[in-house]
Amino acid sequence: MAELYLVRHGQASFRSDNYDKLSPLGHQQAQWLGEYFRQRNLQVDSILTGTLVRHRETAEGIAQGLQLSSPDFKVFEGLNEFDFHSLINAYIKQHPAEALDRNAPAADFYKLLKKGMQKWSSGELSEGVDETWQHFEERVRSVIETLQAEFHGQKIVAVSSGGAIAMVLRQILQAPSQTVIELNLQIKNTAIAHCYFNPKALRMTSFNHVPHLDTPEREQHITYS
C-alpha cells in the first residue's frame, strides 16, 4: 500500500498583518521534520502542497531537512485551508456584539472561530463566506481520490492546514461535521497524520504526531497557530 504523511504547516504569523507566512520558528519546525524523515530513511516519492505561502515554505523546510537538492512540489488547491478570516467576519456581521479587539487572547479568537464553523457547517452562515461547507468537503475529497487513483505505491508528504486535515480525517472515520471543528483546533504545527491507502481504501494509523518535537529540548516549540 502507499503511505501518506499529511502534515500541517509550521507556525504561521498569527497577529501579524499577513498570517500566510511562516514565523522563524515555523521554518525551524519544518526543517526539523525533514531531518526526522531523513534520520528514519524515509524515501519520499512526492511532496504535495496547497497554494498557500505557508504550505510552500513548510514543504521547502521539509525538503531542506531531507537534503533534497531540487524538490518538485505538486500543487493541489484542494489542500488549502478554508478562509477563516472571511468566516469570522461573516459570523461577527451576524453577531456584532461578539467582535474581538485585535489584542484579545488567542483563546477568545479560537472560540469565535469554533462558533463560526458550527454555523457554517450547518448552513446557517453563507453570506460573506468564500465557499460552502459542501464545497470544502468536495475539494478535500477530490485530493484523496486523486491520490488513490494516481499515486500507487508511493510515499507521499502532503502539506496542508488544520481544517483541511481535519476534513480528511472526518471522511476516513465517516464522522459527523462536528469532528472537523473539534480536530481543527487541536492539530499542532508540523504534526503528522499517517495513513496507508490504495485505490479502494484509506486508513489512518496515527494523528497529531510530532516526533521531531517530542523531546525535552524541543517540547517548548510545540505550537498550534
C-alpha atoms as a PDB file:
ATOM      1  CA  MET A   1       0.000   0.000   0.000  1.00  0.00           C
ATOM      2  CA  ALA A   2       1.007   3.602  -0.456  1.00  0.00           C
ATOM      3  CA  GLU A   3       1.739   5.855   2.516  1.00  0.00           C
ATOM      4  CA  LEU A   4       0.531   9.388   3.166  1.00  0.00           C
ATOM      5  CA  TYR A   5       2.201  11.710   5.660  1.00  0.00           C
ATOM      6  CA  LEU A   6      -0.324  14.515   5.974  1.00  0.00           C
ATOM      7  CA  VAL A   7       1.461  17.470   7.594  1.00  0.00           C
ATOM      8  CA  ARG A   8       0.071  20.694   8.974  1.00  0.00           C
ATOM      9  CA  HIS A   9       2.151  23.741   8.073  1.00  0.00           C
ATOM     10  CA  GLY A  10       4.686  25.193  10.506  1.00  0.00           C
ATOM     11  CA  GLN A  11       3.809  28.015  12.867  1.00  0.00           C
ATOM     12  CA  ALA A  12       2.390  30.878  10.832  1.00  0.00           C
ATOM     13  CA  SER A  13       2.465  34.593  11.619  1.00  0.00           C
ATOM     14  CA  PHE A  14      -0.508  34.900  13.971  1.00  0.00           C
ATOM     15  CA  ARG A  15      -1.423  38.516  14.870  1.00  0.00           C
ATOM     16  CA  SER A  16       0.701  39.934  12.061  1.00  0.00           C
ATOM     17  CA  ASP A  17      -0.693  41.759   9.031  1.00  0.00           C
ATOM     18  CA  ASN A  18      -0.018  38.651   6.948  1.00  0.00           C
ATOM     19  CA  TYR A  19      -0.820  35.329   8.608  1.00  0.00           C
ATOM     20  CA  ASP A  20       0.120  33.396   5.469  1.00  0.00           C
ATOM     21  CA  LYS A  21       3.843  33.102   6.039  1.00  0.00           C
ATOM     22  CA  LEU A  22       5.871  31.077   8.492  1.00  0.00           C
ATOM     23  CA  SER A  23       7.389  32.552  11.598  1.00  0.00           C
ATOM     24  CA  PRO A  24      11.093  31.869  12.210  1.00  0.00           C
ATOM     25  CA  LEU A  25      10.020  29.016  14.493  1.00  0.00           C
ATOM     26  CA  GLY A  26       7.724  27.687  11.764  1.00  0.00           C
ATOM     27  CA  HIS A  27      10.658  27.426   9.365  1.00  0.00           C
ATOM     28  CA  GLN A  28      12.663  25.596  12.036  1.00  0.00           C
ATOM     29  CA  GLN A  29       9.811  23.176  12.784  1.00  0.00           C
ATOM     30  CA  ALA A  30       9.600  22.255   9.102  1.00  0.00           C
ATOM     31  CA  GLN A  31      13.334  21.655   8.812  1.00  0.00           C
ATOM     32  CA  TRP A  32      13.332  19.534  11.968  1.00  0.00           C
ATOM     33  CA  LEU A  33      10.561  17.402  10.481  1.00  0.00           C
ATOM     34  CA  GLY A  34      12.543  16.892   7.287  1.00  0.00           C
ATOM     35  CA  GLU A  35      15.583  15.915   9.344  1.00  0.00           C
ATOM     36  CA  TYR A  36      13.442  13.417  11.253  1.00  0.00           C
ATOM     37  CA  PHE A  37      12.266  11.872   7.979  1.00  0.00           C
ATOM     38  CA  ARG A  38      15.884  11.641   6.768  1.00  0.00           C
ATOM     39  CA  GLN A  39      17.020  10.022  10.026  1.00  0.00           C
ATOM     40  CA  ARG A  40      14.273   7.442   9.561  1.00  0.00           C
ATOM     41  CA  ASN A  41      15.460   6.832   5.972  1.00  0.00           C
ATOM     42  CA  LEU A  42      12.073   7.795   4.586  1.00  0.00           C
ATOM     43  CA  GLN A  43      12.288   7.721   0.799  1.00  0.00           C
ATOM     44  CA  VAL A  44       9.767  10.356  -0.196  1.00  0.00           C
ATOM     45  CA  ASP A  45       8.422   9.916  -3.724  1.00  0.00           C
ATOM     46  CA  SER A  46       6.256  13.042  -3.894  1.00  0.00           C
ATOM     47  CA  ILE A  47       5.760  16.234  -1.897  1.00  0.00           C
ATOM     48  CA  LEU A  48       2.359  17.871  -2.277  1.00  0.00           C
ATOM     49  CA  THR A  49       1.278  21.315  -1.125  1.00  0.00           C
ATOM     50  CA  GLY A  50      -1.663  23.641  -1.316  1.00  0.00           C
ATOM     51  CA  THR A  51      -1.257  27.028  -2.981  1.00  0.00           C
ATOM     52  CA  LEU A  52      -0.718  28.953   0.259  1.00  0.00           C
ATOM     53  CA  VAL A  53       2.639  30.522   1.110  1.00  0.00           C
ATOM     54  CA  ARG A  54       2.797  28.772   4.481  1.00  0.00           C
ATOM     55  CA  HIS A  55       2.339  25.423   2.728  1.00  0.00           C
ATOM     56  CA  ARG A  56       5.126  26.116   0.250  1.00  0.00           C
ATOM     57  CA  GLU A  57       7.504  27.364   2.932  1.00  0.00           C
ATOM     58  CA  THR A  58       6.819  24.294   5.068  1.00  0.00           C
ATOM     59  CA  ALA A  59       7.466  21.996   2.115  1.00  0.00           C
ATOM     60  CA  GLU A  60      10.732  23.831   1.428  1.00  0.00           C
ATOM     61  CA  GLY A  61      11.831  23.366   5.036  1.00  0.00           C
ATOM     62  CA  ILE A  62      10.998  19.661   4.936  1.00  0.00           C
ATOM     63  CA  ALA A  63      12.907  19.284   1.665  1.00  0.00           C
ATOM     64  CA  GLN A  64      15.881  21.080   3.207  1.00  0.00           C
ATOM     65  CA  GLY A  65      15.842  18.715   6.176  1.00  0.00           C
ATOM     66  CA  LEU A  66      15.649  15.771   3.781  1.00  0.00           C
ATOM     67  CA  GLN A  67      18.599  17.242   1.857  1.00  0.00           C
ATOM     68  CA  LEU A  68      16.700  17.191  -1.428  1.00  0.00           C
ATOM     69  CA  SER A  69      18.611  19.315  -3.924  1.00  0.00           C
ATOM     70  CA  SER A  70      15.830  20.044  -6.436  1.00  0.00           C
ATOM     71  CA  PRO A  71      12.452  19.190  -4.918  1.00  0.00           C
ATOM     72  CA  ASP A  72       9.495  19.134  -7.288  1.00  0.00           C
ATOM     73  CA  PHE A  73       6.353  20.088  -5.393  1.00  0.00           C
ATOM     74  CA  LYS A  74       2.969  19.080  -6.763  1.00  0.00           C
ATOM     75  CA  VAL A  75       0.337  21.730  -6.042  1.00  0.00           C
ATOM     76  CA  PHE A  76      -3.272  20.874  -5.165  1.00  0.00           C
ATOM     77  CA  GLU A  77      -5.721  23.679  -4.388  1.00  0.00           C
ATOM     78  CA  GLY A  78      -7.836  21.133  -2.545  1.00  0.00           C
ATOM     79  CA  LEU A  79      -5.237  21.089   0.249  1.00  0.00           C
ATOM     80  CA  ASN A  80      -5.857  24.766   1.002  1.00  0.00           C
ATOM     81  CA  GLU A  81      -7.399  25.921   4.255  1.00  0.00           C
ATOM     82  CA  PHE A  82     -10.861  27.445   4.250  1.00  0.00           C
ATOM     83  CA  ASP A  83     -10.776  31.237   4.572  1.00  0.00           C
ATOM     84  CA  PHE A  84     -11.159  31.569   8.323  1.00  0.00           C
ATOM     85  CA  HIS A  85     -10.837  35.357   8.159  1.00  0.00           C
ATOM     86  CA  SER A  86     -13.931  35.706   5.975  1.00  0.00           C
ATOM     87  CA  LEU A  87     -15.710  33.103   8.102  1.00  0.00           C
ATOM     88  CA  ILE A  88     -15.100  35.028  11.319  1.00  0.00           C
ATOM     89  CA  ASN A  89     -16.033  38.329   9.681  1.00  0.00           C
ATOM     90  CA  ALA A  90     -19.285  36.812   8.424  1.00  0.00           C
ATOM     91  CA  TYR A  91     -20.061  35.498  11.901  1.00  0.00           C
ATOM     92  CA  ILE A  92     -19.352  38.879  13.501  1.00  0.00           C
ATOM     93  CA  LYS A  93     -21.621  40.547  10.952  1.00  0.00           C
ATOM     94  CA  GLN A  94     -24.425  38.349  12.315  1.00  0.00           C
ATOM     95  CA  HIS A  95     -23.302  38.805  15.929  1.00  0.00           C
ATOM     96  CA  PRO A  96     -21.631  42.239  16.185  1.00  0.00           C
ATOM     97  CA  ALA A  97     -21.657  42.179  19.988  1.00  0.00           C
ATOM     98  CA  GLU A  98     -19.090  39.347  19.870  1.00  0.00           C
ATOM     99  CA  ALA A  99     -16.472  41.299  17.901  1.00  0.00           C
ATOM    100  CA  LEU A 100     -12.988  40.995  19.386  1.00  0.00           C
ATOM    101  CA  ASP A 101     -10.283  43.546  19.963  1.00  0.00           C
ATOM    102  CA  ARG A 102      -7.131  42.911  17.910  1.00  0.00           C
ATOM    103  CA  ASN A 103      -5.211  42.164  21.114  1.00  0.00           C
ATOM    104  CA  ALA A 104      -7.787  39.761  22.559  1.00  0.00           C
ATOM    105  CA  PRO A 105      -6.391  36.463  23.907  1.00  0.00           C
ATOM    106  CA  ALA A 106      -5.864  33.750  21.308  1.00  0.00           C
ATOM    107  CA  ALA A 107      -8.329  31.532  23.193  1.00  0.00           C
ATOM    108  CA  ASP A 108     -11.104  34.056  22.510  1.00  0.00           C
ATOM    109  CA  PHE A 109     -10.257  34.030  18.805  1.00  0.00           C
ATOM    110  CA  TYR A 110     -10.472  30.230  18.672  1.00  0.00           C
ATOM    111  CA  LYS A 111     -13.816  30.250  20.483  1.00  0.00           C
ATOM    112  CA  LEU A 112     -15.151  32.660  17.880  1.00  0.00           C
ATOM    113  CA  LEU A 113     -13.777  30.507  15.066  1.00  0.00           C
ATOM    114  CA  LYS A 114     -15.463  27.446  16.556  1.00  0.00           C
ATOM    115  CA  LYS A 115     -18.817  29.250  16.679  1.00  0.00           C
ATOM    116  CA  GLY A 116     -18.392  30.379  13.088  1.00  0.00           C
ATOM    117  CA  MET A 117     -17.532  26.873  11.905  1.00  0.00           C
ATOM    118  CA  GLN A 118     -20.562  25.433  13.670  1.00  0.00           C
ATOM    119  CA  LYS A 119     -22.885  27.815  11.855  1.00  0.00           C
ATOM    120  CA  TRP A 120     -21.041  27.367   8.558  1.00  0.00           C
ATOM    121  CA  SER A 121     -21.222  23.565   8.702  1.00  0.00           C
ATOM    122  CA  SER A 122     -24.948  23.654   9.469  1.00  0.00           C
ATOM    123  CA  GLY A 123     -25.706  26.000   6.575  1.00  0.00           C
ATOM    124  CA  GLU A 124     -26.562  28.951   8.809  1.00  0.00           C
ATOM    125  CA  LEU A 125     -23.640  31.055   7.606  1.00  0.00           C
ATOM    126  CA  SER A 126     -23.103  31.662   3.900  1.00  0.00           C
ATOM    127  CA  GLU A 127     -23.219  35.374   3.120  1.00  0.00           C
ATOM    128  CA  GLY A 128     -19.681  36.751   3.056  1.00  0.00           C
ATOM    129  CA  VAL A 129     -18.040  33.299   3.154  1.00  0.00           C
ATOM    130  CA  ASP A 130     -15.902  32.324   0.164  1.00  0.00           C
ATOM    131  CA  GLU A 131     -17.150  28.738  -0.149  1.00  0.00           C
ATOM    132  CA  THR A 132     -19.876  26.499   1.186  1.00  0.00           C
ATOM    133  CA  TRP A 133     -19.176  23.703   3.629  1.00  0.00           C
ATOM    134  CA  GLN A 134     -20.192  21.241   0.909  1.00  0.00           C
ATOM    135  CA  HIS A 135     -17.625  22.684  -1.498  1.00  0.00           C
ATOM    136  CA  PHE A 136     -14.964  22.426   1.203  1.00  0.00           C
ATOM    137  CA  GLU A 137     -15.853  18.756   1.696  1.00  0.00           C
ATOM    138  CA  GLU A 138     -15.800  18.035  -2.021  1.00  0.00           C
ATOM    139  CA  ARG A 139     -12.473  19.693  -2.835  1.00  0.00           C
ATOM    140  CA  VAL A 140     -10.725  17.874   0.022  1.00  0.00           C
ATOM    141  CA  ARG A 141     -12.283  14.589  -1.090  1.00  0.00           C
ATOM    142  CA  SER A 142     -11.066  15.212  -4.649  1.00  0.00           C
ATOM    143  CA  VAL A 143      -7.444  15.313  -3.461  1.00  0.00           C
ATOM    144  CA  ILE A 144      -7.805  11.959  -1.724  1.00  0.00           C
ATOM    145  CA  GLU A 145      -9.452  10.449  -4.795  1.00  0.00           C
ATOM    146  CA  THR A 146      -6.586  11.701  -6.964  1.00  0.00           C
ATOM    147  CA  LEU A 147      -4.018  10.185  -4.607  1.00  0.00           C
ATOM    148  CA  GLN A 148      -5.802   6.848  -4.661  1.00  0.00           C
ATOM    149  CA  ALA A 149      -6.072   6.881  -8.448  1.00  0.00           C
ATOM    150  CA  GLU A 150      -2.625   8.139  -9.424  1.00  0.00           C
ATOM    151  CA  PHE A 151      -0.050   7.664  -6.639  1.00  0.00           C
ATOM    152  CA  HIS A 152       0.082   3.882  -6.391  1.00  0.00           C
ATOM    153  CA  GLY A 153       2.690   2.507  -4.004  1.00  0.00           C
ATOM    154  CA  GLN A 154       4.276   5.886  -3.283  1.00  0.00           C
ATOM    155  CA  LYS A 155       5.383   7.513  -0.049  1.00  0.00           C
ATOM    156  CA  ILE A 156       3.825  10.968  -0.076  1.00  0.00           C
ATOM    157  CA  VAL A 157       4.271  14.010   2.125  1.00  0.00           C
ATOM    158  CA  ALA A 158       1.322  16.388   1.737  1.00  0.00           C
ATOM    159  CA  VAL A 159       1.475  19.802   3.429  1.00  0.00           C
ATOM    160  CA  SER A 160      -1.896  21.287   4.280  1.00  0.00           C
ATOM    161  CA  SER A 161      -3.742  23.138   7.063  1.00  0.00           C
ATOM    162  CA  GLY A 162      -5.667  22.168  10.167  1.00  0.00           C
ATOM    163  CA  GLY A 163      -9.159  22.453   8.743  1.00  0.00           C
ATOM    164  CA  ALA A 164      -8.408  20.512   5.563  1.00  0.00           C
ATOM    165  CA  ILE A 165      -6.569  17.798   7.503  1.00  0.00           C
ATOM    166  CA  ALA A 166      -9.475  17.532   9.931  1.00  0.00           C
ATOM    167  CA  MET A 167     -11.821  17.149   6.960  1.00  0.00           C
ATOM    168  CA  VAL A 168      -9.713  14.283   5.586  1.00  0.00           C
ATOM    169  CA  LEU A 169      -9.872  12.535   8.953  1.00  0.00           C
ATOM    170  CA  ARG A 170     -13.624  13.077   9.207  1.00  0.00           C
ATOM    171  CA  GLN A 171     -14.059  11.418   5.827  1.00  0.00           C
ATOM    172  CA  ILE A 172     -11.827   8.498   6.810  1.00  0.00           C
ATOM    173  CA  LEU A 173     -13.752   7.973  10.043  1.00  0.00           C
ATOM    174  CA  GLN A 174     -17.135   8.779   8.472  1.00  0.00           C
ATOM    175  CA  ALA A 175     -17.683  11.050  11.449  1.00  0.00           C
ATOM    176  CA  PRO A 176     -20.088  13.999  11.807  1.00  0.00           C
ATOM    177  CA  SER A 177     -19.134  17.526  10.788  1.00  0.00           C
ATOM    178  CA  GLN A 178     -18.581  18.474  14.428  1.00  0.00           C
ATOM    179  CA  THR A 179     -15.484  16.264  14.297  1.00  0.00           C
ATOM    180  CA  VAL A 180     -13.835  18.667  11.852  1.00  0.00           C
ATOM    181  CA  ILE A 181     -14.479  21.571  14.213  1.00  0.00           C
ATOM    182  CA  GLU A 182     -13.033  19.776  17.228  1.00  0.00           C
ATOM    183  CA  LEU A 183      -9.981  18.341  15.450  1.00  0.00           C
ATOM    184  CA  ASN A 184      -9.180  21.593  13.651  1.00  0.00           C
ATOM    185  CA  LEU A 185      -8.429  23.330  16.945  1.00  0.00           C
ATOM    186  CA  GLN A 186      -6.197  20.509  18.234  1.00  0.00           C
ATOM    187  CA  ILE A 187      -3.740  19.973  15.383  1.00  0.00           C
ATOM    188  CA  LYS A 188      -0.175  21.039  16.146  1.00  0.00           C
ATOM    189  CA  ASN A 189       2.094  22.826  13.713  1.00  0.00           C
ATOM    190  CA  THR A 190       4.032  20.316  11.563  1.00  0.00           C
ATOM    191  CA  ALA A 191       2.095  17.447  13.148  1.00  0.00           C
ATOM    192  CA  ILE A 192       1.748  14.287  11.075  1.00  0.00           C
ATOM    193  CA  ALA A 193      -1.370  12.277  10.342  1.00  0.00           C
ATOM    194  CA  HIS A 194      -0.085   8.995   8.890  1.00  0.00           C
ATOM    195  CA  CYS A 195      -2.231   6.906   6.564  1.00  0.00           C
ATOM    196  CA  TYR A 196      -1.968   3.873   4.313  1.00  0.00           C
ATOM    197  CA  PHE A 197      -4.001   3.819   1.129  1.00  0.00           C
ATOM    198  CA  ASN A 198      -4.736   2.008  -2.095  1.00  0.00           C
ATOM    199  CA  PRO A 199      -7.358   2.679  -4.786  1.00  0.00           C
ATOM    200  CA  LYS A 200     -10.092   1.195  -2.609  1.00  0.00           C
ATOM    201  CA  ALA A 201      -9.281   2.293   0.942  1.00  0.00           C
ATOM    202  CA  LEU A 202      -7.612   4.941   3.093  1.00  0.00           C
ATOM    203  CA  ARG A 203      -6.712   4.011   6.673  1.00  0.00           C
ATOM    204  CA  MET A 204      -5.258   6.252   9.375  1.00  0.00           C
ATOM    205  CA  THR A 205      -2.601   4.825  11.709  1.00  0.00           C
ATOM    206  CA  SER A 206      -1.666   7.929  13.735  1.00  0.00           C
ATOM    207  CA  PHE A 207      -2.789  11.515  14.237  1.00  0.00           C
ATOM    208  CA  ASN A 208      -1.237  14.764  15.519  1.00  0.00           C
ATOM    209  CA  HIS A 209       2.163  13.117  15.920  1.00  0.00           C
ATOM    210  CA  VAL A 210       5.196  15.413  16.395  1.00  0.00           C
ATOM    211  CA  PRO A 211       8.143  13.037  16.884  1.00  0.00           C
ATOM    212  CA  HIS A 212      10.603  15.730  15.764  1.00  0.00           C
ATOM    213  CA  LEU A 213       9.456  17.957  18.657  1.00  0.00           C
ATOM    214  CA  ASP A 214       8.799  15.285  21.270  1.00  0.00           C
ATOM    215  CA  THR A 215      11.995  15.763  23.271  1.00  0.00           C
ATOM    216  CA  PRO A 216      12.741  17.740  26.452  1.00  0.00           C
ATOM    217  CA  GLU A 217      14.846  20.159  24.388  1.00  0.00           C
ATOM    218  CA  ARG A 218      12.122  20.878  21.825  1.00  0.00           C
ATOM    219  CA  GLU A 219       8.781  20.379  23.545  1.00  0.00           C
ATOM    220  CA  GLN A 220       8.522  24.127  24.229  1.00  0.00           C
ATOM    221  CA  HIS A 221       8.471  24.600  20.446  1.00  0.00           C
ATOM    222  CA  ILE A 222       5.128  22.786  20.037  1.00  0.00           C
ATOM    223  CA  THR A 223       2.613  25.349  18.750  1.00  0.00           C
ATOM    224  CA  TYR A 224      -0.917  25.471  17.368  1.00  0.00           C
ATOM    225  CA  SER A 225      -1.031  28.535  15.092  1.00  0.00           C
END
